[in-house]
Amino acid sequence: SALSAEKELEEIIKYIHDNYPNVPVILDAKRGDIGSTAERYALEAFERYQADAVTVNPYLGQDSLQPFLDYADKGVIALCKTSNGGSNEFQNLKLENGQFLFQQVAVNAANQWNSNNNVLLVVGATYPQELAEIRQIVGDMPLLIPGIGAQGGDVEATLKSGLIKNSENSGLIISSSRGIIFAGDSPENYKNRASMACEELNQQINDFWSI
């Protein structure tokens, strides 16, 4: 959380849990550190803040993820193919086994890290081809999809690439942050514009999902 805003973060999460108990709270912290430090980060995310899931950076390997994974009733969302333009610099490096790094993260997530069935992956809407490849690797694993809205990700392309076929469960958590938060241009219309942006995105998702 922002400096000196930890209390406000706790209050926001508690408000969501109290008033919208069916809405999961994802703490977008992108934590990644050695095991002993990761233990404290996991404690912070799941016990102090009471988040339902947290984003993590898998670059340090499974031992850095294990303290989070051990919370079997909490979601652990590992960065795989992020939405930013610079993600190609490392995530698209080809390994000795012929796979790209983002593909290897998906393989490990599906086959090594997910013994508690609580692993998800971050895959940017700005890379629909990579999204389709990751979906093939991980099967019905849920994916968190940033990049819709301000970053230019396309809803239709995202659904075509990432939806779980022949399932009532889409397998996707589509996120739009700036496109909703900054939909208004003044304090007076902030609330209404943000609400309208949410409704428009929801309708867009439903329209393409039904095609």
N, C-alpha and C. Protein backbone atom coordinates (compact mmCIF):
# COMPACT_ATOMS: atom_id res chain seq x y z
N SER A 1 0.84 -1.19 0.00
CA SER A 1 0.00 0.00 0.00
C SER A 1 0.88 1.25 0.00
N ALA A 2 0.28 2.38 -0.31
CA ALA A 2 1.02 3.63 -0.33
C ALA A 2 1.50 3.98 1.07
N LEU A 3 2.54 4.81 1.14
CA LEU A 3 3.11 5.20 2.42
C LEU A 3 2.03 5.78 3.33
N SER A 4 1.97 5.24 4.54
CA SER A 4 1.03 5.69 5.57
C SER A 4 -0.43 5.44 5.21
N ALA A 5 -0.70 4.55 4.25
CA ALA A 5 -2.08 4.25 3.87
C ALA A 5 -2.46 2.80 4.19
N GLU A 6 -1.65 2.14 5.02
CA GLU A 6 -1.94 0.74 5.35
C GLU A 6 -3.30 0.59 6.03
N LYS A 7 -3.61 1.49 6.92
CA LYS A 7 -4.89 1.42 7.63
C LYS A 7 -6.06 1.55 6.66
N GLU A 8 -5.92 2.47 5.70
CA GLU A 8 -6.98 2.66 4.71
C GLU A 8 -7.16 1.40 3.87
N LEU A 9 -6.06 0.73 3.52
CA LEU A 9 -6.16 -0.51 2.75
C LEU A 9 -6.89 -1.57 3.56
N GLU A 10 -6.56 -1.71 4.82
CA GLU A 10 -7.26 -2.66 5.68
C GLU A 10 -8.76 -2.36 5.72
N GLU A 11 -9.10 -1.09 5.82
CA GLU A 11 -10.51 -0.70 5.92
C GLU A 11 -11.26 -0.98 4.61
N ILE A 12 -10.61 -0.73 3.48
CA ILE A 12 -11.25 -0.99 2.18
C ILE A 12 -11.53 -2.47 2.01
N ILE A 13 -10.54 -3.30 2.33
CA ILE A 13 -10.72 -4.75 2.19
C ILE A 13 -11.81 -5.24 3.13
N LYS A 14 -11.82 -4.74 4.35
CA LYS A 14 -12.87 -5.14 5.30
C LYS A 14 -14.25 -4.72 4.80
N TYR A 15 -14.33 -3.54 4.22
CA TYR A 15 -15.61 -3.06 3.69
C TYR A 15 -16.11 -3.97 2.58
N ILE A 16 -15.22 -4.37 1.69
CA ILE A 16 -15.62 -5.27 0.61
C ILE A 16 -16.09 -6.61 1.17
N HIS A 17 -15.33 -7.17 2.10
CA HIS A 17 -15.71 -8.45 2.69
C HIS A 17 -17.06 -8.36 3.42
N ASP A 18 -17.29 -7.27 4.12
CA ASP A 18 -18.52 -7.12 4.89
C ASP A 18 -19.74 -6.89 4.00
N ASN A 19 -19.55 -6.14 2.91
CA ASN A 19 -20.69 -5.72 2.11
C ASN A 19 -20.85 -6.49 0.81
N TYR A 20 -19.75 -7.08 0.31
CA TYR A 20 -19.80 -7.84 -0.94
C TYR A 20 -19.03 -9.14 -0.75
N PRO A 21 -19.53 -10.03 0.11
CA PRO A 21 -18.76 -11.22 0.49
C PRO A 21 -18.46 -12.18 -0.66
N ASN A 22 -19.18 -12.06 -1.76
CA ASN A 22 -18.92 -12.93 -2.91
C ASN A 22 -17.88 -12.37 -3.87
N VAL A 23 -17.37 -11.17 -3.58
CA VAL A 23 -16.37 -10.54 -4.44
C VAL A 23 -14.98 -10.79 -3.85
N PRO A 24 -14.12 -11.54 -4.54
CA PRO A 24 -12.78 -11.79 -4.00
C PRO A 24 -11.91 -10.54 -4.08
N VAL A 25 -11.09 -10.36 -3.07
CA VAL A 25 -10.17 -9.22 -3.01
C VAL A 25 -8.78 -9.69 -3.40
N ILE A 26 -8.25 -9.11 -4.47
CA ILE A 26 -6.90 -9.43 -4.95
C ILE A 26 -5.96 -8.30 -4.53
N LEU A 27 -4.94 -8.63 -3.77
CA LEU A 27 -3.92 -7.66 -3.39
C LEU A 27 -2.83 -7.69 -4.45
N ASP A 28 -2.77 -6.64 -5.27
CA ASP A 28 -1.82 -6.60 -6.39
C ASP A 28 -0.47 -6.09 -5.90
N ALA A 29 0.25 -6.96 -5.19
CA ALA A 29 1.50 -6.57 -4.53
C ALA A 29 2.74 -7.01 -5.30
N LYS A 30 2.60 -8.02 -6.17
CA LYS A 30 3.71 -8.55 -6.97
C LYS A 30 4.92 -8.88 -6.10
N ARG A 31 4.68 -9.59 -5.02
CA ARG A 31 5.74 -9.93 -4.07
C ARG A 31 6.69 -10.98 -4.67
N GLY A 32 7.95 -10.87 -4.31
CA GLY A 32 8.95 -11.85 -4.73
C GLY A 32 10.22 -11.67 -3.94
N ASP A 33 10.56 -12.66 -3.10
CA ASP A 33 11.76 -12.55 -2.27
C ASP A 33 12.13 -13.94 -1.76
N ILE A 34 13.25 -14.04 -1.07
CA ILE A 34 13.68 -15.34 -0.54
C ILE A 34 12.66 -15.85 0.47
N GLY A 35 12.73 -17.14 0.76
CA GLY A 35 11.70 -17.80 1.55
C GLY A 35 11.37 -17.14 2.86
N SER A 36 12.38 -16.78 3.66
CA SER A 36 12.10 -16.23 4.99
C SER A 36 11.37 -14.89 4.89
N THR A 37 11.74 -14.08 3.90
CA THR A 37 11.05 -12.81 3.71
C THR A 37 9.66 -13.04 3.12
N ALA A 38 9.57 -14.01 2.21
CA ALA A 38 8.27 -14.33 1.60
C ALA A 38 7.26 -14.77 2.66
N GLU A 39 7.74 -15.45 3.70
CA GLU A 39 6.84 -15.86 4.77
C GLU A 39 6.15 -14.65 5.40
N ARG A 40 6.90 -13.58 5.59
CA ARG A 40 6.33 -12.38 6.20
C ARG A 40 5.39 -11.67 5.23
N TYR A 41 5.76 -11.68 3.94
CA TYR A 41 4.87 -11.08 2.94
C TYR A 41 3.55 -11.84 2.86
N ALA A 42 3.62 -13.17 2.94
CA ALA A 42 2.39 -13.98 2.90
C ALA A 42 1.53 -13.69 4.13
N LEU A 43 2.19 -13.56 5.28
CA LEU A 43 1.46 -13.22 6.51
C LEU A 43 0.78 -11.86 6.37
N GLU A 44 1.50 -10.91 5.79
CA GLU A 44 0.94 -9.57 5.59
C GLU A 44 -0.29 -9.62 4.69
N ALA A 45 -0.16 -10.30 3.56
CA ALA A 45 -1.24 -10.32 2.57
C ALA A 45 -2.48 -11.02 3.10
N PHE A 46 -2.29 -12.19 3.70
CA PHE A 46 -3.42 -13.06 4.01
C PHE A 46 -3.95 -12.93 5.44
N GLU A 47 -3.10 -12.49 6.36
CA GLU A 47 -3.55 -12.40 7.75
C GLU A 47 -3.73 -10.95 8.20
N ARG A 48 -2.79 -10.09 7.83
CA ARG A 48 -2.98 -8.69 8.20
C ARG A 48 -4.08 -8.05 7.34
N TYR A 49 -3.92 -8.15 6.02
CA TYR A 49 -4.87 -7.48 5.13
C TYR A 49 -6.09 -8.34 4.81
N GLN A 50 -6.01 -9.64 5.07
CA GLN A 50 -7.14 -10.54 4.81
C GLN A 50 -7.52 -10.58 3.33
N ALA A 51 -6.53 -10.45 2.45
CA ALA A 51 -6.79 -10.57 1.01
C ALA A 51 -7.16 -12.00 0.67
N ASP A 52 -7.95 -12.17 -0.37
CA ASP A 52 -8.31 -13.51 -0.84
C ASP A 52 -7.25 -14.08 -1.78
N ALA A 53 -6.49 -13.19 -2.40
CA ALA A 53 -5.43 -13.62 -3.32
C ALA A 53 -4.40 -12.51 -3.40
N VAL A 54 -3.19 -12.87 -3.85
CA VAL A 54 -2.12 -11.89 -3.98
C VAL A 54 -1.32 -12.20 -5.24
N THR A 55 -0.85 -11.16 -5.91
CA THR A 55 0.03 -11.37 -7.06
C THR A 55 1.47 -11.53 -6.57
N VAL A 56 2.21 -12.42 -7.24
CA VAL A 56 3.59 -12.71 -6.86
C VAL A 56 4.47 -12.77 -8.11
N ASN A 57 5.75 -12.50 -7.90
CA ASN A 57 6.74 -12.58 -8.97
C ASN A 57 7.49 -13.91 -8.82
N PRO A 58 7.39 -14.81 -9.80
CA PRO A 58 7.98 -16.15 -9.65
C PRO A 58 9.45 -16.23 -10.02
N TYR A 59 10.10 -15.10 -10.26
CA TYR A 59 11.46 -15.09 -10.80
C TYR A 59 12.45 -15.80 -9.88
N LEU A 60 12.20 -15.80 -8.56
CA LEU A 60 13.12 -16.43 -7.62
C LEU A 60 12.90 -17.94 -7.49
N GLY A 61 11.86 -18.48 -8.10
CA GLY A 61 11.62 -19.91 -8.05
C GLY A 61 10.60 -20.32 -7.00
N GLN A 62 10.33 -21.63 -6.95
CA GLN A 62 9.23 -22.13 -6.13
C GLN A 62 9.43 -21.88 -4.64
N ASP A 63 10.67 -21.91 -4.15
CA ASP A 63 10.86 -21.70 -2.71
C ASP A 63 10.43 -20.31 -2.28
N SER A 64 10.45 -19.34 -3.21
CA SER A 64 9.97 -18.00 -2.88
C SER A 64 8.45 -17.91 -2.92
N LEU A 65 7.82 -18.86 -3.60
CA LEU A 65 6.36 -18.90 -3.70
C LEU A 65 5.71 -19.76 -2.62
N GLN A 66 6.48 -20.71 -2.08
CA GLN A 66 5.88 -21.72 -1.21
C GLN A 66 5.16 -21.14 0.01
N PRO A 67 5.69 -20.10 0.66
CA PRO A 67 4.94 -19.55 1.80
C PRO A 67 3.54 -19.07 1.43
N PHE A 68 3.38 -18.58 0.21
CA PHE A 68 2.06 -18.18 -0.27
C PHE A 68 1.23 -19.41 -0.63
N LEU A 69 1.84 -20.36 -1.33
CA LEU A 69 1.13 -21.56 -1.78
C LEU A 69 0.59 -22.37 -0.61
N ASP A 70 1.28 -22.29 0.53
CA ASP A 70 0.87 -23.08 1.70
C ASP A 70 -0.46 -22.61 2.29
N TYR A 71 -0.88 -21.40 1.96
CA TYR A 71 -2.22 -20.96 2.34
C TYR A 71 -3.20 -21.54 1.33
N ALA A 72 -3.65 -22.76 1.60
CA ALA A 72 -4.39 -23.53 0.60
C ALA A 72 -5.72 -22.90 0.21
N ASP A 73 -6.27 -22.06 1.08
CA ASP A 73 -7.57 -21.45 0.78
C ASP A 73 -7.42 -20.05 0.20
N LYS A 74 -6.20 -19.68 -0.19
CA LYS A 74 -5.94 -18.36 -0.76
C LYS A 74 -5.38 -18.51 -2.17
N GLY A 75 -5.65 -17.52 -3.02
CA GLY A 75 -5.15 -17.55 -4.38
C GLY A 75 -3.76 -16.95 -4.49
N VAL A 76 -2.92 -17.60 -5.30
CA VAL A 76 -1.56 -17.12 -5.55
C VAL A 76 -1.45 -16.88 -7.05
N ILE A 77 -1.31 -15.62 -7.43
CA ILE A 77 -1.40 -15.24 -8.84
C ILE A 77 -0.01 -14.84 -9.33
N ALA A 78 0.63 -15.72 -10.10
CA ALA A 78 2.01 -15.52 -10.52
C ALA A 78 2.08 -14.75 -11.84
N LEU A 79 2.99 -13.80 -11.92
CA LEU A 79 3.23 -13.10 -13.17
C LEU A 79 3.73 -14.08 -14.22
N CYS A 80 3.13 -14.05 -15.40
CA CYS A 80 3.52 -14.97 -16.46
C CYS A 80 3.88 -14.21 -17.73
N LYS A 81 2.90 -13.56 -18.33
CA LYS A 81 3.13 -12.71 -19.50
C LYS A 81 2.42 -11.39 -19.23
N THR A 82 3.17 -10.41 -18.75
CA THR A 82 2.57 -9.17 -18.29
C THR A 82 2.22 -8.25 -19.45
N SER A 83 1.36 -7.28 -19.18
CA SER A 83 0.75 -6.48 -20.25
C SER A 83 1.64 -5.37 -20.77
N ASN A 84 2.70 -5.02 -20.05
CA ASN A 84 3.54 -3.89 -20.46
C ASN A 84 4.38 -4.22 -21.68
N GLY A 85 4.74 -3.18 -22.44
CA GLY A 85 5.51 -3.38 -23.66
C GLY A 85 6.88 -3.99 -23.42
N GLY A 86 7.49 -3.70 -22.28
CA GLY A 86 8.82 -4.24 -22.00
C GLY A 86 8.84 -5.68 -21.55
N SER A 87 7.69 -6.32 -21.46
CA SER A 87 7.65 -7.71 -20.97
C SER A 87 8.40 -8.66 -21.89
N ASN A 88 8.52 -8.31 -23.17
CA ASN A 88 9.24 -9.18 -24.10
C ASN A 88 10.72 -9.32 -23.76
N GLU A 89 11.26 -8.33 -23.06
CA GLU A 89 12.70 -8.30 -22.80
C GLU A 89 13.19 -9.57 -22.11
N PHE A 90 12.44 -10.07 -21.16
CA PHE A 90 12.81 -11.31 -20.48
C PHE A 90 11.79 -12.42 -20.70
N GLN A 91 10.52 -12.09 -20.65
CA GLN A 91 9.49 -13.13 -20.69
C GLN A 91 9.44 -13.87 -22.02
N ASN A 92 9.95 -13.25 -23.09
CA ASN A 92 9.96 -13.91 -24.40
C ASN A 92 11.34 -14.43 -24.78
N LEU A 93 12.23 -14.53 -23.81
CA LEU A 93 13.52 -15.16 -24.09
C LEU A 93 13.32 -16.66 -24.30
N LYS A 94 14.03 -17.21 -25.28
CA LYS A 94 13.91 -18.64 -25.57
C LYS A 94 14.92 -19.41 -24.72
N LEU A 95 14.45 -20.46 -24.06
CA LEU A 95 15.29 -21.28 -23.19
C LEU A 95 15.92 -22.42 -23.97
N GLU A 96 16.81 -23.15 -23.32
CA GLU A 96 17.49 -24.26 -23.97
C GLU A 96 16.53 -25.36 -24.39
N ASN A 97 15.42 -25.50 -23.68
CA ASN A 97 14.44 -26.54 -24.03
C ASN A 97 13.52 -26.12 -25.17
N GLY A 98 13.76 -24.92 -25.73
CA GLY A 98 12.97 -24.45 -26.85
C GLY A 98 11.75 -23.64 -26.48
N GLN A 99 11.42 -23.61 -25.20
CA GLN A 99 10.26 -22.83 -24.77
C GLN A 99 10.66 -21.40 -24.44
N PHE A 100 9.70 -20.51 -24.55
CA PHE A 100 9.91 -19.16 -24.06
C PHE A 100 9.75 -19.15 -22.54
N LEU A 101 10.35 -18.16 -21.90
CA LEU A 101 10.32 -18.11 -20.45
C LEU A 101 8.88 -18.06 -19.92
N PHE A 102 8.00 -17.29 -20.57
CA PHE A 102 6.62 -17.22 -20.09
C PHE A 102 5.94 -18.58 -20.20
N GLN A 103 6.29 -19.36 -21.22
CA GLN A 103 5.71 -20.70 -21.36
C GLN A 103 6.19 -21.61 -20.24
N GLN A 104 7.46 -21.48 -19.85
CA GLN A 104 7.99 -22.31 -18.77
C GLN A 104 7.33 -21.96 -17.44
N VAL A 105 7.07 -20.68 -17.22
CA VAL A 105 6.34 -20.29 -16.01
C VAL A 105 4.97 -20.96 -15.99
N ALA A 106 4.29 -20.98 -17.14
CA ALA A 106 2.98 -21.62 -17.21
C ALA A 106 3.07 -23.12 -16.95
N VAL A 107 4.09 -23.77 -17.49
CA VAL A 107 4.29 -25.21 -17.27
C VAL A 107 4.51 -25.48 -15.78
N ASN A 108 5.41 -24.72 -15.16
CA ASN A 108 5.68 -24.93 -13.73
C ASN A 108 4.44 -24.66 -12.88
N ALA A 109 3.71 -23.62 -13.23
CA ALA A 109 2.51 -23.29 -12.47
C ALA A 109 1.50 -24.43 -12.52
N ALA A 110 1.33 -25.02 -13.69
CA ALA A 110 0.33 -26.08 -13.85
C ALA A 110 0.78 -27.41 -13.27
N ASN A 111 2.08 -27.67 -13.29
CA ASN A 111 2.56 -29.02 -12.96
C ASN A 111 3.33 -29.14 -11.65
N GLN A 112 3.87 -28.04 -11.12
CA GLN A 112 4.69 -28.13 -9.92
C GLN A 112 4.13 -27.31 -8.75
N TRP A 113 3.56 -26.17 -9.04
CA TRP A 113 3.18 -25.25 -7.96
C TRP A 113 1.75 -25.43 -7.48
N ASN A 114 0.92 -26.15 -8.21
CA ASN A 114 -0.52 -26.08 -8.00
C ASN A 114 -1.09 -27.26 -7.23
N SER A 115 -0.33 -27.81 -6.30
CA SER A 115 -0.80 -28.98 -5.56
C SER A 115 -2.03 -28.66 -4.70
N ASN A 116 -2.20 -27.40 -4.32
CA ASN A 116 -3.38 -27.00 -3.55
C ASN A 116 -4.49 -26.41 -4.43
N ASN A 117 -4.27 -26.47 -5.74
CA ASN A 117 -5.26 -25.95 -6.68
C ASN A 117 -5.61 -24.49 -6.38
N ASN A 118 -4.58 -23.70 -6.06
CA ASN A 118 -4.81 -22.30 -5.71
C ASN A 118 -3.93 -21.33 -6.51
N VAL A 119 -3.39 -21.80 -7.64
CA VAL A 119 -2.51 -20.97 -8.46
C VAL A 119 -3.28 -20.39 -9.64
N LEU A 120 -3.04 -19.12 -9.91
CA LEU A 120 -3.54 -18.43 -11.10
C LEU A 120 -2.34 -17.77 -11.76
N LEU A 121 -2.53 -17.28 -12.98
CA LEU A 121 -1.47 -16.58 -13.69
C LEU A 121 -1.94 -15.22 -14.17
N VAL A 122 -1.01 -14.26 -14.20
CA VAL A 122 -1.25 -12.96 -14.80
C VAL A 122 -0.84 -13.02 -16.27
N VAL A 123 -1.79 -12.72 -17.15
CA VAL A 123 -1.52 -12.72 -18.59
C VAL A 123 -2.17 -11.48 -19.19
N GLY A 124 -1.38 -10.62 -19.82
CA GLY A 124 -1.90 -9.36 -20.32
C GLY A 124 -2.78 -9.49 -21.54
N ALA A 125 -3.85 -8.71 -21.56
CA ALA A 125 -4.75 -8.68 -22.72
C ALA A 125 -4.07 -8.13 -23.96
N THR A 126 -2.95 -7.47 -23.77
CA THR A 126 -2.22 -6.88 -24.89
C THR A 126 -1.44 -7.92 -25.69
N TYR A 127 -1.46 -9.19 -25.25
CA TYR A 127 -0.74 -10.26 -25.95
C TYR A 127 -1.68 -11.45 -26.16
N PRO A 128 -2.66 -11.33 -27.06
CA PRO A 128 -3.64 -12.41 -27.24
C PRO A 128 -3.04 -13.72 -27.75
N GLN A 129 -1.99 -13.66 -28.57
CA GLN A 129 -1.37 -14.89 -29.05
C GLN A 129 -0.73 -15.66 -27.90
N GLU A 130 0.02 -14.96 -27.06
CA GLU A 130 0.62 -15.60 -25.90
C GLU A 130 -0.45 -16.11 -24.93
N LEU A 131 -1.54 -15.36 -24.81
CA LEU A 131 -2.65 -15.79 -23.97
C LEU A 131 -3.20 -17.13 -24.45
N ALA A 132 -3.37 -17.28 -25.76
CA ALA A 132 -3.88 -18.54 -26.31
C ALA A 132 -2.91 -19.68 -26.02
N GLU A 133 -1.61 -19.42 -26.14
CA GLU A 133 -0.61 -20.46 -25.88
C GLU A 133 -0.64 -20.87 -24.40
N ILE A 134 -0.76 -19.89 -23.52
CA ILE A 134 -0.80 -20.19 -22.09
C ILE A 134 -2.05 -20.98 -21.74
N ARG A 135 -3.18 -20.62 -22.33
CA ARG A 135 -4.41 -21.37 -22.07
C ARG A 135 -4.24 -22.84 -22.47
N GLN A 136 -3.55 -23.10 -23.56
CA GLN A 136 -3.30 -24.48 -23.99
C GLN A 136 -2.45 -25.23 -22.97
N ILE A 137 -1.52 -24.53 -22.34
CA ILE A 137 -0.62 -25.17 -21.38
C ILE A 137 -1.32 -25.46 -20.06
N VAL A 138 -2.08 -24.50 -19.56
CA VAL A 138 -2.60 -24.60 -18.18
C VAL A 138 -4.01 -25.15 -18.08
N GLY A 139 -4.65 -25.43 -19.20
CA GLY A 139 -6.01 -25.97 -19.15
C GLY A 139 -6.99 -24.99 -18.54
N ASP A 140 -7.73 -25.43 -17.53
CA ASP A 140 -8.78 -24.58 -16.97
C ASP A 140 -8.32 -23.72 -15.79
N MET A 141 -7.01 -23.53 -15.63
CA MET A 141 -6.52 -22.65 -14.58
C MET A 141 -7.04 -21.23 -14.79
N PRO A 142 -7.54 -20.56 -13.75
CA PRO A 142 -8.00 -19.18 -13.91
C PRO A 142 -6.83 -18.24 -14.23
N LEU A 143 -7.12 -17.24 -15.05
CA LEU A 143 -6.12 -16.26 -15.46
C LEU A 143 -6.61 -14.86 -15.12
N LEU A 144 -5.71 -14.06 -14.54
CA LEU A 144 -6.00 -12.65 -14.28
C LEU A 144 -5.51 -11.85 -15.48
N ILE A 145 -6.40 -11.07 -16.10
CA ILE A 145 -6.11 -10.39 -17.35
C ILE A 145 -6.11 -8.88 -17.15
N PRO A 146 -4.93 -8.27 -16.96
CA PRO A 146 -4.85 -6.81 -16.98
C PRO A 146 -4.67 -6.32 -18.42
N GLY A 147 -4.69 -5.01 -18.59
CA GLY A 147 -4.38 -4.45 -19.91
C GLY A 147 -5.57 -4.04 -20.74
N ILE A 148 -6.79 -4.29 -20.24
CA ILE A 148 -7.99 -3.81 -20.93
C ILE A 148 -8.18 -2.33 -20.57
N GLY A 149 -8.53 -1.52 -21.56
CA GLY A 149 -8.78 -0.11 -21.27
C GLY A 149 -7.60 0.75 -21.65
N ALA A 150 -6.96 1.38 -20.66
CA ALA A 150 -5.92 2.37 -20.93
C ALA A 150 -4.74 1.78 -21.69
N GLN A 151 -4.43 0.49 -21.48
CA GLN A 151 -3.28 -0.12 -22.15
C GLN A 151 -3.62 -0.64 -23.55
N GLY A 152 -4.88 -0.61 -23.91
CA GLY A 152 -5.25 -0.93 -25.29
C GLY A 152 -5.61 -2.37 -25.56
N GLY A 153 -5.72 -3.22 -24.54
CA GLY A 153 -6.12 -4.60 -24.75
C GLY A 153 -7.54 -4.69 -25.28
N ASP A 154 -7.79 -5.67 -26.14
CA ASP A 154 -9.08 -5.82 -26.80
C ASP A 154 -9.90 -6.92 -26.13
N VAL A 155 -11.14 -6.61 -25.76
CA VAL A 155 -11.98 -7.58 -25.05
C VAL A 155 -12.28 -8.79 -25.93
N GLU A 156 -12.65 -8.57 -27.18
CA GLU A 156 -13.01 -9.68 -28.06
C GLU A 156 -11.83 -10.62 -28.26
N ALA A 157 -10.65 -10.07 -28.54
CA ALA A 157 -9.46 -10.90 -28.75
C ALA A 157 -9.10 -11.66 -27.49
N THR A 158 -9.28 -11.02 -26.34
CA THR A 158 -8.98 -11.67 -25.07
C THR A 158 -9.89 -12.88 -24.84
N LEU A 159 -11.18 -12.71 -25.08
CA LEU A 159 -12.11 -13.81 -24.87
C LEU A 159 -11.86 -14.95 -25.86
N LYS A 160 -11.58 -14.61 -27.11
CA LYS A 160 -11.31 -15.65 -28.10
C LYS A 160 -10.06 -16.46 -27.73
N SER A 161 -9.08 -15.79 -27.15
CA SER A 161 -7.81 -16.47 -26.84
C SER A 161 -7.83 -17.18 -25.50
N GLY A 162 -8.59 -16.64 -24.54
CA GLY A 162 -8.44 -17.12 -23.17
C GLY A 162 -9.60 -17.85 -22.54
N LEU A 163 -10.77 -17.80 -23.15
CA LEU A 163 -11.93 -18.47 -22.56
C LEU A 163 -11.72 -19.97 -22.48
N ILE A 164 -12.21 -20.58 -21.39
CA ILE A 164 -12.27 -22.03 -21.32
C ILE A 164 -13.43 -22.49 -22.19
N LYS A 165 -13.15 -23.34 -23.14
CA LYS A 165 -14.17 -23.77 -24.09
C LYS A 165 -15.18 -24.70 -23.42
N ASN A 166 -16.43 -24.57 -23.85
CA ASN A 166 -17.51 -25.46 -23.40
C ASN A 166 -17.64 -25.52 -21.88
N SER A 167 -17.57 -24.34 -21.26
CA SER A 167 -17.66 -24.28 -19.80
C SER A 167 -18.46 -23.06 -19.40
N GLU A 168 -19.23 -23.18 -18.32
CA GLU A 168 -19.93 -22.03 -17.78
C GLU A 168 -18.97 -21.08 -17.07
N ASN A 169 -17.80 -21.59 -16.72
CA ASN A 169 -16.76 -20.79 -16.07
C ASN A 169 -15.82 -20.26 -17.14
N SER A 170 -15.71 -18.94 -17.24
CA SER A 170 -14.88 -18.35 -18.29
C SER A 170 -13.40 -18.63 -18.07
N GLY A 171 -12.98 -18.78 -16.81
CA GLY A 171 -11.57 -18.96 -16.51
C GLY A 171 -10.78 -17.67 -16.57
N LEU A 172 -11.47 -16.53 -16.70
CA LEU A 172 -10.79 -15.24 -16.83
C LEU A 172 -11.29 -14.26 -15.78
N ILE A 173 -10.36 -13.51 -15.19
CA ILE A 173 -10.69 -12.36 -14.35
C ILE A 173 -10.14 -11.15 -15.09
N ILE A 174 -11.02 -10.42 -15.76
CA ILE A 174 -10.60 -9.30 -16.59
C ILE A 174 -10.57 -8.02 -15.76
N SER A 175 -9.42 -7.35 -15.79
CA SER A 175 -9.21 -6.18 -14.95
C SER A 175 -9.01 -4.93 -15.81
N SER A 176 -9.72 -3.89 -15.47
CA SER A 176 -9.48 -2.56 -16.03
C SER A 176 -9.33 -1.61 -14.86
N SER A 177 -8.17 -0.99 -14.76
CA SER A 177 -7.91 -0.10 -13.62
C SER A 177 -8.05 1.36 -14.01
N ARG A 178 -7.08 1.87 -14.77
CA ARG A 178 -7.12 3.28 -15.14
C ARG A 178 -8.34 3.63 -15.98
N GLY A 179 -8.77 2.67 -16.83
CA GLY A 179 -9.93 2.93 -17.67
C GLY A 179 -11.19 3.20 -16.87
N ILE A 180 -11.23 2.71 -15.64
CA ILE A 180 -12.38 2.95 -14.76
C ILE A 180 -12.08 4.06 -13.76
N ILE A 181 -10.92 3.98 -13.12
CA ILE A 181 -10.58 4.96 -12.08
C ILE A 181 -10.56 6.38 -12.64
N PHE A 182 -10.02 6.53 -13.86
CA PHE A 182 -9.88 7.86 -14.45
C PHE A 182 -10.90 8.11 -15.56
N ALA A 183 -12.05 7.45 -15.49
CA ALA A 183 -13.08 7.67 -16.51
C ALA A 183 -13.65 9.08 -16.42
N GLY A 184 -13.75 9.62 -15.23
CA GLY A 184 -14.25 10.98 -15.04
C GLY A 184 -13.14 12.00 -15.20
N ASP A 185 -13.54 13.26 -15.40
CA ASP A 185 -12.55 14.32 -15.56
C ASP A 185 -12.67 15.40 -14.49
N SER A 186 -13.48 15.12 -13.46
CA SER A 186 -13.61 16.09 -12.36
C SER A 186 -14.13 15.37 -11.13
N PRO A 187 -13.91 15.93 -9.95
CA PRO A 187 -14.45 15.29 -8.73
C PRO A 187 -15.97 15.15 -8.77
N GLU A 188 -16.63 16.06 -9.47
CA GLU A 188 -18.09 16.05 -9.49
C GLU A 188 -18.65 14.84 -10.24
N ASN A 189 -17.99 14.42 -11.31
CA ASN A 189 -18.54 13.30 -12.10
C ASN A 189 -17.76 12.00 -11.92
N TYR A 190 -16.82 12.00 -10.98
CA TYR A 190 -15.94 10.82 -10.81
C TYR A 190 -16.74 9.55 -10.56
N LYS A 191 -17.65 9.59 -9.59
CA LYS A 191 -18.38 8.38 -9.20
C LYS A 191 -19.23 7.86 -10.35
N ASN A 192 -20.00 8.75 -10.99
CA ASN A 192 -20.89 8.32 -12.06
C ASN A 192 -20.12 7.80 -13.27
N ARG A 193 -19.04 8.48 -13.63
CA ARG A 193 -18.27 8.04 -14.80
C ARG A 193 -17.60 6.70 -14.54
N ALA A 194 -17.09 6.49 -13.33
CA ALA A 194 -16.47 5.20 -13.00
C ALA A 194 -17.51 4.09 -13.06
N SER A 195 -18.69 4.36 -12.52
CA SER A 195 -19.77 3.36 -12.56
C SER A 195 -20.17 3.04 -13.99
N MET A 196 -20.28 4.06 -14.83
CA MET A 196 -20.63 3.86 -16.23
C MET A 196 -19.57 3.04 -16.95
N ALA A 197 -18.29 3.33 -16.66
CA ALA A 197 -17.21 2.59 -17.31
C ALA A 197 -17.26 1.11 -16.93
N CYS A 198 -17.56 0.83 -15.66
CA CYS A 198 -17.71 -0.57 -15.21
C CYS A 198 -18.84 -1.26 -15.96
N GLU A 199 -19.98 -0.60 -16.05
CA GLU A 199 -21.14 -1.19 -16.71
C GLU A 199 -20.87 -1.42 -18.19
N GLU A 200 -20.20 -0.48 -18.83
CA GLU A 200 -19.90 -0.61 -20.26
C GLU A 200 -18.96 -1.79 -20.51
N LEU A 201 -17.93 -1.92 -19.67
CA LEU A 201 -17.01 -3.04 -19.85
C LEU A 201 -17.71 -4.37 -19.59
N ASN A 202 -18.53 -4.41 -18.56
CA ASN A 202 -19.26 -5.64 -18.26
C ASN A 202 -20.17 -6.04 -19.42
N GLN A 203 -20.84 -5.05 -20.01
CA GLN A 203 -21.71 -5.34 -21.15
C GLN A 203 -20.91 -5.83 -22.35
N GLN A 204 -19.76 -5.20 -22.57
CA GLN A 204 -18.89 -5.60 -23.67
C GLN A 204 -18.43 -7.04 -23.51
N ILE A 205 -18.04 -7.41 -22.30
CA ILE A 205 -17.62 -8.79 -22.03
C ILE A 205 -18.77 -9.75 -22.29
N ASN A 206 -19.95 -9.43 -21.78
CA ASN A 206 -21.10 -10.31 -21.96
C ASN A 206 -21.50 -10.44 -23.43
N ASP A 207 -21.40 -9.34 -24.18
CA ASP A 207 -21.75 -9.38 -25.60
C ASP A 207 -20.84 -10.33 -26.37
N PHE A 208 -19.55 -10.25 -26.14
CA PHE A 208 -18.61 -11.10 -26.88
C PHE A 208 -18.63 -12.53 -26.37
N TRP A 209 -18.91 -12.70 -25.08
CA TRP A 209 -18.97 -14.05 -24.51
C TRP A 209 -20.10 -14.86 -25.13
N SER A 210 -21.18 -14.18 -25.48
CA SER A 210 -22.35 -14.88 -26.01
C SER A 210 -22.24 -15.20 -27.49
N ILE A 211 -21.21 -14.68 -28.16
CA ILE A 211 -21.06 -14.93 -29.60
C ILE A 211 -20.65 -16.37 -29.86
